[in-house]
């Protein structure tokens, strides 16, 4: 999609759909592998939120940068991260994007502008602000997008970074993925007021959108990205969505039989997911489009299957790396 477009064509929507589907099928496979006991660590899945990463990153250049969260697989893939390297990282293999030493919550690729998923809630704010300041000084037209959840909107660093972004007119787009839950707590029990109002207090242009509508996400992101790239300063997008999976897989071990939402609520939201909505919209185009959707499904599944094989067949991470990557000069 070019920078001059103001609407999403059917072919563009098909491309967005394929990207969302790649994220969804990857996450579903990780869900199943985790349930089977095949993963060495926990995973926090992005199922149900795919439109946000996809719609935003479709507006970015390869040289632009993003910061992510503990739920970062979707951001990584939407920004062009290598699927094989991501799955190898999750499987703790030497071919992983961080040589198998970072795991699911730390997938990063600086060469793609992916500054990293992060296991610390809200840690991306300061990283994004620093990267945006660097981009502004370089004067090369790069911008930064900071993805974060509604729970991390309660971190004080958000206010600090909103303040400095507004003061210095940083090329920074804040994207709040409001999925209605902060870990195991419904947002209404831990978050007061309207999250977007926090940016309005700093006179930052703000938009609240349906985060399950990939077209709405794409349009809002396009406006914000163009503003940042042209020197117009920061923007704030609050995208409302829903987290279909738990905070992390196997969360029942933490909850001890308690529930913070009902199965009926989850099932209701599944029908309103971005992939389900977009597929229905595209299928209305007739048999030829339905055939394209079937081809996309086959292509995506083949990619996921190949990436899992690559991860499983790769050699394990080298434990000796701990003495150079984490404990340099501290060998016992």
Protein backbone atom coordinates (compact mmCIF):
# COMPACT_ATOMS: atom_id res chain seq x y z
CA UNK A 1 0.00 0.00 0.00
CA UNK A 2 1.42 3.37 -0.98
CA UNK A 3 1.59 6.43 1.20
CA UNK A 4 -0.93 8.27 -1.00
CA UNK A 5 -3.81 5.82 -0.52
CA UNK A 6 -6.72 6.84 1.67
CA UNK A 7 -8.71 3.61 1.52
CA UNK A 8 -8.07 -0.12 1.54
CA UNK A 9 -8.70 -1.96 -1.73
CA UNK A 10 -9.81 -5.58 -1.88
CA UNK A 11 -6.29 -6.72 -2.76
CA UNK A 12 -4.88 -4.69 0.11
CA UNK A 13 -7.45 -6.24 2.44
CA UNK A 14 -6.46 -9.70 1.25
CA UNK A 15 -2.83 -8.92 2.10
CA UNK A 16 -3.82 -7.65 5.53
CA UNK A 17 -5.95 -10.76 6.03
CA UNK A 18 -3.03 -13.04 5.14
CA UNK A 19 -0.79 -11.28 7.64
CA UNK A 20 -3.41 -11.59 10.37
CA UNK A 21 -3.95 -15.23 9.52
CA UNK A 22 -0.22 -15.96 9.72
CA UNK A 23 -0.18 -14.51 13.23
CA UNK A 24 -3.33 -16.43 14.22
CA UNK A 25 -2.20 -19.82 12.88
CA UNK A 26 1.24 -19.38 14.44
CA UNK A 27 -0.27 -18.59 17.83
CA UNK A 28 -2.73 -21.47 17.58
CA UNK A 29 0.15 -23.82 16.86
CA UNK A 30 2.05 -22.49 19.86
CA UNK A 31 -1.09 -22.99 21.96
CA UNK A 32 -1.29 -26.61 20.88
CA UNK A 33 2.43 -27.25 21.30
CA UNK A 34 2.31 -25.77 24.77
CA UNK A 35 -0.64 -27.95 25.72
CA UNK A 36 1.27 -30.99 24.47
CA UNK A 37 4.24 -30.06 26.66
CA UNK A 38 6.58 -29.39 23.75
CA UNK A 39 7.68 -25.85 24.63
CA UNK A 40 10.45 -25.11 27.15
CA UNK A 41 8.76 -21.98 28.53
CA UNK A 42 5.56 -19.99 28.85
CA UNK A 43 3.90 -18.16 25.97
CA UNK A 44 1.53 -15.18 26.00
CA UNK A 45 -0.59 -15.37 22.85
CA UNK A 46 -2.00 -12.63 20.61
CA UNK A 47 -5.10 -14.51 19.41
CA UNK A 48 -7.95 -12.06 18.85
CA UNK A 49 -5.76 -8.95 18.61
CA UNK A 50 -4.16 -9.54 15.19
CA UNK A 51 -5.70 -6.51 13.45
CA UNK A 52 -3.79 -4.01 15.59
CA UNK A 53 -0.24 -5.13 14.81
CA UNK A 54 -1.17 -5.81 11.20
CA UNK A 55 -2.97 -2.54 10.52
CA UNK A 56 -0.31 -0.42 12.19
CA UNK A 57 2.77 -2.12 10.73
CA UNK A 58 1.31 -2.03 7.21
CA UNK A 59 2.00 1.71 7.35
CA UNK A 60 5.62 1.38 8.45
CA UNK A 61 8.87 1.31 6.50
CA UNK A 62 11.57 -1.26 7.09
CA UNK A 63 13.69 1.43 8.77
CA UNK A 64 10.95 2.43 11.23
CA UNK A 65 11.10 1.00 14.74
CA UNK A 66 8.67 -0.63 17.15
CA UNK A 67 8.70 -1.58 20.81
CA UNK A 68 6.59 -4.46 21.98
CA UNK A 69 5.27 -6.29 25.05
CA UNK A 70 5.33 -9.73 26.63
CA UNK A 71 2.55 -10.52 24.10
CA UNK A 72 4.83 -9.66 21.21
CA UNK A 73 4.70 -12.39 18.57
CA UNK A 74 2.13 -10.52 16.48
CA UNK A 75 4.13 -7.29 16.50
CA UNK A 76 7.30 -9.16 15.52
CA UNK A 77 5.67 -10.91 12.57
CA UNK A 78 3.72 -7.87 11.37
CA UNK A 79 6.94 -5.81 11.28
CA UNK A 80 8.61 -8.40 9.07
CA UNK A 81 10.32 -10.62 11.61
CA UNK A 82 11.41 -14.07 10.42
CA UNK A 83 8.94 -16.78 11.46
CA UNK A 84 11.54 -19.55 11.50
CA UNK A 85 13.84 -17.55 13.76
CA UNK A 86 10.97 -16.65 16.11
CA UNK A 87 9.81 -20.21 16.58
CA UNK A 88 13.38 -21.43 17.00
CA UNK A 89 13.78 -18.82 19.73
CA UNK A 90 10.62 -20.01 21.47
CA UNK A 91 11.94 -23.58 21.26
CA UNK A 92 15.25 -22.36 22.79
CA UNK A 93 17.31 -23.29 19.74
CA UNK A 94 20.59 -21.84 18.52
CA UNK A 95 18.96 -20.72 15.26
CA UNK A 96 16.58 -18.47 17.20
CA UNK A 97 16.55 -14.73 16.65
CA UNK A 98 18.36 -14.32 20.01
CA UNK A 99 20.28 -17.60 19.69
CA UNK A 100 17.72 -19.30 21.89
CA UNK A 101 18.71 -17.29 24.96
CA UNK A 102 15.78 -14.84 25.10
CA UNK A 103 12.66 -16.91 24.60
CA UNK A 104 9.10 -15.94 23.80
CA UNK A 105 9.02 -12.63 25.70
CA UNK A 106 12.21 -11.24 24.19
CA UNK A 107 11.98 -11.73 20.41
CA UNK A 108 13.81 -8.84 18.74
CA UNK A 109 15.52 -8.00 15.47
CA UNK A 110 17.23 -4.62 15.33
CA UNK A 111 17.84 -5.04 11.59
CA UNK A 112 14.06 -4.94 11.10
CA UNK A 113 13.50 -2.13 13.57
CA UNK A 114 12.05 -4.56 16.12
CA UNK A 115 13.54 -3.27 19.36
CA UNK A 116 12.12 -6.13 21.30
CA UNK A 117 9.31 -7.73 23.15
CA UNK A 118 9.69 -7.16 26.87
CA UNK A 119 8.85 -9.11 29.99
CA UNK A 120 8.59 -5.95 32.09
CA UNK A 121 5.17 -4.28 31.98
CA UNK A 122 5.45 -0.79 30.48
CA UNK A 123 9.18 -1.01 29.79
CA UNK A 124 8.67 -0.16 26.13
CA UNK A 125 7.66 3.44 26.85
CA UNK A 126 11.12 4.74 27.70
CA UNK A 127 12.79 2.62 24.99
CA UNK A 128 10.40 4.04 22.39
CA UNK A 129 10.89 7.62 23.58
CA UNK A 130 14.67 7.23 23.41
CA UNK A 131 14.50 5.65 19.96
CA UNK A 132 12.18 8.43 18.74
CA UNK A 133 14.58 11.08 20.05
CA UNK A 134 17.42 9.34 18.22
CA UNK A 135 15.34 9.19 15.03
CA UNK A 136 14.52 12.89 15.30
CA UNK A 137 18.17 13.82 15.70
CA UNK A 138 19.17 11.64 12.73
CA UNK A 139 16.70 13.46 10.50
CA UNK A 140 16.18 10.48 8.21
CA UNK A 141 12.39 10.36 8.41
CA UNK A 142 12.17 7.31 10.67
CA UNK A 143 9.39 6.98 13.21
CA UNK A 144 8.72 4.76 16.23
CA UNK A 145 5.59 2.89 17.31
CA UNK A 146 5.15 1.80 20.91
CA UNK A 147 2.67 -1.05 21.41
CA UNK A 148 1.41 -1.49 24.98
CA UNK A 149 -1.54 -2.93 26.85
CA UNK A 150 -4.23 -1.29 28.95
CA UNK A 151 -2.60 -2.59 32.11
CA UNK A 152 0.70 -0.87 31.41
CA UNK A 153 -1.18 2.39 30.82
CA UNK A 154 -1.20 2.62 34.63
CA UNK A 155 2.60 2.81 34.78
CA UNK A 156 4.02 6.21 35.65
CA UNK A 157 6.55 6.01 32.82
CA UNK A 158 3.69 6.45 30.34
CA UNK A 159 3.00 9.95 31.68
CA UNK A 160 6.67 10.84 31.62
CA UNK A 161 7.03 9.70 28.01
CA UNK A 162 3.81 11.39 26.89
CA UNK A 163 5.14 14.59 28.40
CA UNK A 164 8.55 14.47 26.76
CA UNK A 165 7.10 13.31 23.42
CA UNK A 166 4.76 16.30 23.40
CA UNK A 167 7.42 18.79 24.54
CA UNK A 168 9.99 17.66 21.99
CA UNK A 169 7.50 16.72 19.26
CA UNK A 170 8.99 13.26 18.92
CA UNK A 171 8.10 11.07 15.89
CA UNK A 172 6.36 8.58 18.15
CA UNK A 173 3.01 6.79 17.89
CA UNK A 174 1.60 5.31 21.10
CA UNK A 175 -0.71 2.34 20.41
CA UNK A 176 -2.68 1.07 23.40
CA UNK A 177 -4.05 -2.44 22.82
CA UNK A 178 -6.99 -2.31 25.22
CA UNK A 179 -7.95 -5.98 25.46
CA UNK A 180 -10.02 -5.42 28.64
CA UNK A 181 -7.75 -7.44 30.95
CA UNK A 182 -4.68 -6.75 33.06
CA UNK A 183 -3.33 -10.24 33.52
CA UNK A 184 -6.17 -11.89 35.51
CA UNK A 185 -8.03 -8.67 36.39
CA UNK A 186 -10.81 -7.08 34.32
CA UNK A 187 -9.64 -3.61 33.32
CA UNK A 188 -12.58 -1.92 35.03
CA UNK A 189 -11.26 -3.15 38.39
CA UNK A 190 -7.78 -1.66 38.01
CA UNK A 191 -8.00 1.23 35.51
CA UNK A 192 -9.85 4.47 36.25
CA UNK A 193 -11.18 6.78 33.56
CA UNK A 194 -10.56 6.67 29.81
CA UNK A 195 -7.02 5.69 28.85
CA UNK A 196 -6.98 8.00 25.82
CA UNK A 197 -7.63 10.98 28.10
CA UNK A 198 -4.13 10.56 29.49
CA UNK A 199 -2.71 11.60 26.12
CA UNK A 200 -5.28 14.37 25.66
CA UNK A 201 -3.98 15.98 28.84
CA UNK A 202 -0.74 16.66 26.93
CA UNK A 203 -2.58 17.94 23.83
CA UNK A 204 -1.44 14.90 21.85
CA UNK A 205 -3.74 14.04 18.90
CA UNK A 206 -5.74 11.02 20.00
CA UNK A 207 -8.09 8.52 18.37
CA UNK A 208 -10.13 5.69 19.90
CA UNK A 209 -10.95 2.90 17.45
CA UNK A 210 -12.32 -0.60 17.06
CA UNK A 211 -9.14 -2.64 17.26
CA UNK A 212 -10.84 -5.65 15.65
CA UNK A 213 -11.46 -3.69 12.43
CA UNK A 214 -8.20 -3.90 10.50
CA UNK A 215 -9.32 -1.18 8.08
CA UNK A 216 -10.04 1.22 10.95
CA UNK A 217 -6.65 0.42 12.48
CA UNK A 218 -4.89 0.95 9.15
CA UNK A 219 -6.55 4.34 8.63
CA UNK A 220 -5.85 5.60 12.14
CA UNK A 221 -2.25 4.43 11.96
CA UNK A 222 -1.78 6.01 8.54
CA UNK A 223 -2.77 9.41 9.88
CA UNK A 224 -0.58 9.06 12.96
CA UNK A 225 2.44 7.76 11.06
CA UNK A 226 2.24 10.51 8.46
CA UNK A 227 1.98 13.11 11.22
CA UNK A 228 5.07 11.74 12.95
CA UNK A 229 7.06 11.42 9.74
CA UNK A 230 6.30 14.99 8.64
CA UNK A 231 7.45 16.49 11.94
CA UNK A 232 4.00 16.86 13.45
CA UNK A 233 4.93 15.09 16.67
CA UNK A 234 3.37 12.21 18.59
CA UNK A 235 -0.07 10.61 18.33
CA UNK A 236 -2.02 8.26 20.58
CA UNK A 237 -4.29 5.43 19.41
CA UNK A 238 -6.44 3.44 21.81
CA UNK A 239 -7.58 0.29 20.02
CA UNK A 240 -10.32 -1.73 21.71
CA UNK A 241 -10.01 -5.50 21.29
CA UNK A 242 -10.31 -8.73 23.28
CA UNK A 243 -7.78 -11.31 24.43
CA UNK A 244 -9.22 -14.72 23.49
CA UNK A 245 -6.56 -16.81 25.24
CA UNK A 246 -5.55 -16.50 28.86
CA UNK A 247 -2.94 -14.10 30.13
CA UNK A 248 -0.55 -16.97 29.45
CA UNK A 249 -1.07 -20.57 28.47
CA UNK A 250 -1.70 -22.90 31.40
CA UNK A 251 -2.96 -19.96 33.44
CA UNK A 252 -5.25 -22.36 35.31
CA UNK A 253 -2.18 -23.34 37.34
CA UNK A 254 -2.13 -19.78 38.70
CA UNK A 255 -5.86 -19.42 39.20
CA UNK A 256 -6.47 -22.54 41.26
CA UNK A 257 -9.90 -23.15 39.75
CA UNK A 258 -11.06 -19.54 39.99
CA UNK A 259 -12.34 -17.59 36.95
CA UNK A 260 -12.20 -13.93 35.98
CA UNK A 261 -14.43 -14.34 32.89
CA UNK A 262 -16.98 -16.83 31.61
CA UNK A 263 -16.67 -19.29 28.71
CA UNK A 264 -19.77 -17.65 27.22
CA UNK A 265 -18.01 -14.28 27.13
CA UNK A 266 -15.04 -15.77 25.29
CA UNK A 267 -17.24 -17.56 22.74
CA UNK A 268 -19.15 -14.35 22.08
CA UNK A 269 -15.95 -12.45 21.34
CA UNK A 270 -14.64 -15.18 19.05
CA UNK A 271 -17.34 -14.33 16.50
CA UNK A 272 -16.22 -10.68 16.59
CA UNK A 273 -12.53 -11.40 16.08
CA UNK A 274 -10.64 -9.51 13.36
CA UNK A 275 -10.03 -12.57 11.21
CA UNK A 276 -13.62 -13.76 11.43
CA UNK A 277 -14.96 -10.31 10.57
CA UNK A 278 -12.51 -9.73 7.71
CA UNK A 279 -13.06 -13.20 6.25
CA UNK A 280 -16.82 -12.61 6.17
CA UNK A 281 -16.32 -9.23 4.54
CA UNK A 282 -14.04 -10.66 1.86
CA UNK A 283 -16.15 -13.76 1.21
CA UNK A 284 -19.03 -11.48 0.24
CA UNK A 285 -17.00 -10.76 -2.90
CA UNK A 286 -18.03 -14.10 -4.39
CA UNK A 287 -16.59 -17.52 -5.29
CA UNK A 288 -13.37 -16.15 -6.79
CA UNK A 289 -12.49 -14.38 -3.54
CA UNK A 290 -13.45 -17.43 -1.48
CA UNK A 291 -11.02 -19.45 -3.60
CA UNK A 292 -8.31 -16.88 -2.81
CA UNK A 293 -9.06 -17.22 0.89
CA UNK A 294 -8.62 -20.98 0.65
CA UNK A 295 -5.27 -20.54 -1.10
CA UNK A 296 -4.15 -18.11 1.58
CA UNK A 297 -5.07 -20.66 4.27
CA UNK A 298 -2.99 -23.36 2.56
CA UNK A 299 -0.03 -21.02 2.08
CA UNK A 300 -0.08 -19.85 5.69
CA UNK A 301 -0.40 -23.36 7.12
CA UNK A 302 2.52 -24.53 4.98
CA UNK A 303 4.67 -21.68 6.37
CA UNK A 304 3.75 -22.47 9.95
CA UNK A 305 4.36 -26.20 9.53
CA UNK A 306 7.75 -25.55 7.91
CA UNK A 307 8.75 -23.12 10.66
CA UNK A 308 7.84 -25.61 13.40
CA UNK A 309 9.92 -28.31 11.67
CA UNK A 310 12.82 -25.86 11.42
CA UNK A 311 12.57 -25.08 15.12
CA UNK A 312 12.26 -28.68 16.24
CA UNK A 313 15.13 -29.84 14.02
CA UNK A 314 17.51 -27.03 15.00
CA UNK A 315 20.32 -27.62 17.52
CA UNK A 316 19.70 -26.44 21.07
CA UNK A 317 20.99 -23.13 22.39
CA UNK A 318 24.61 -23.13 23.52
CA UNK A 319 24.63 -22.68 27.32
CA UNK A 320 28.15 -21.26 27.07
CA UNK A 321 26.58 -18.10 25.62
CA UNK A 322 25.43 -17.23 29.13
CA UNK A 323 29.01 -16.26 29.93
CA UNK A 324 29.16 -13.71 27.10
CA UNK A 325 25.56 -12.51 26.77
CA UNK A 326 24.57 -12.29 30.43
CA UNK A 327 27.53 -12.85 32.73
CA UNK A 328 30.51 -11.54 30.79
CA UNK A 329 33.70 -11.97 32.76
CA UNK A 330 31.94 -13.83 35.55
CA UNK A 331 32.80 -17.39 34.64
CA UNK A 332 33.24 -19.38 37.89
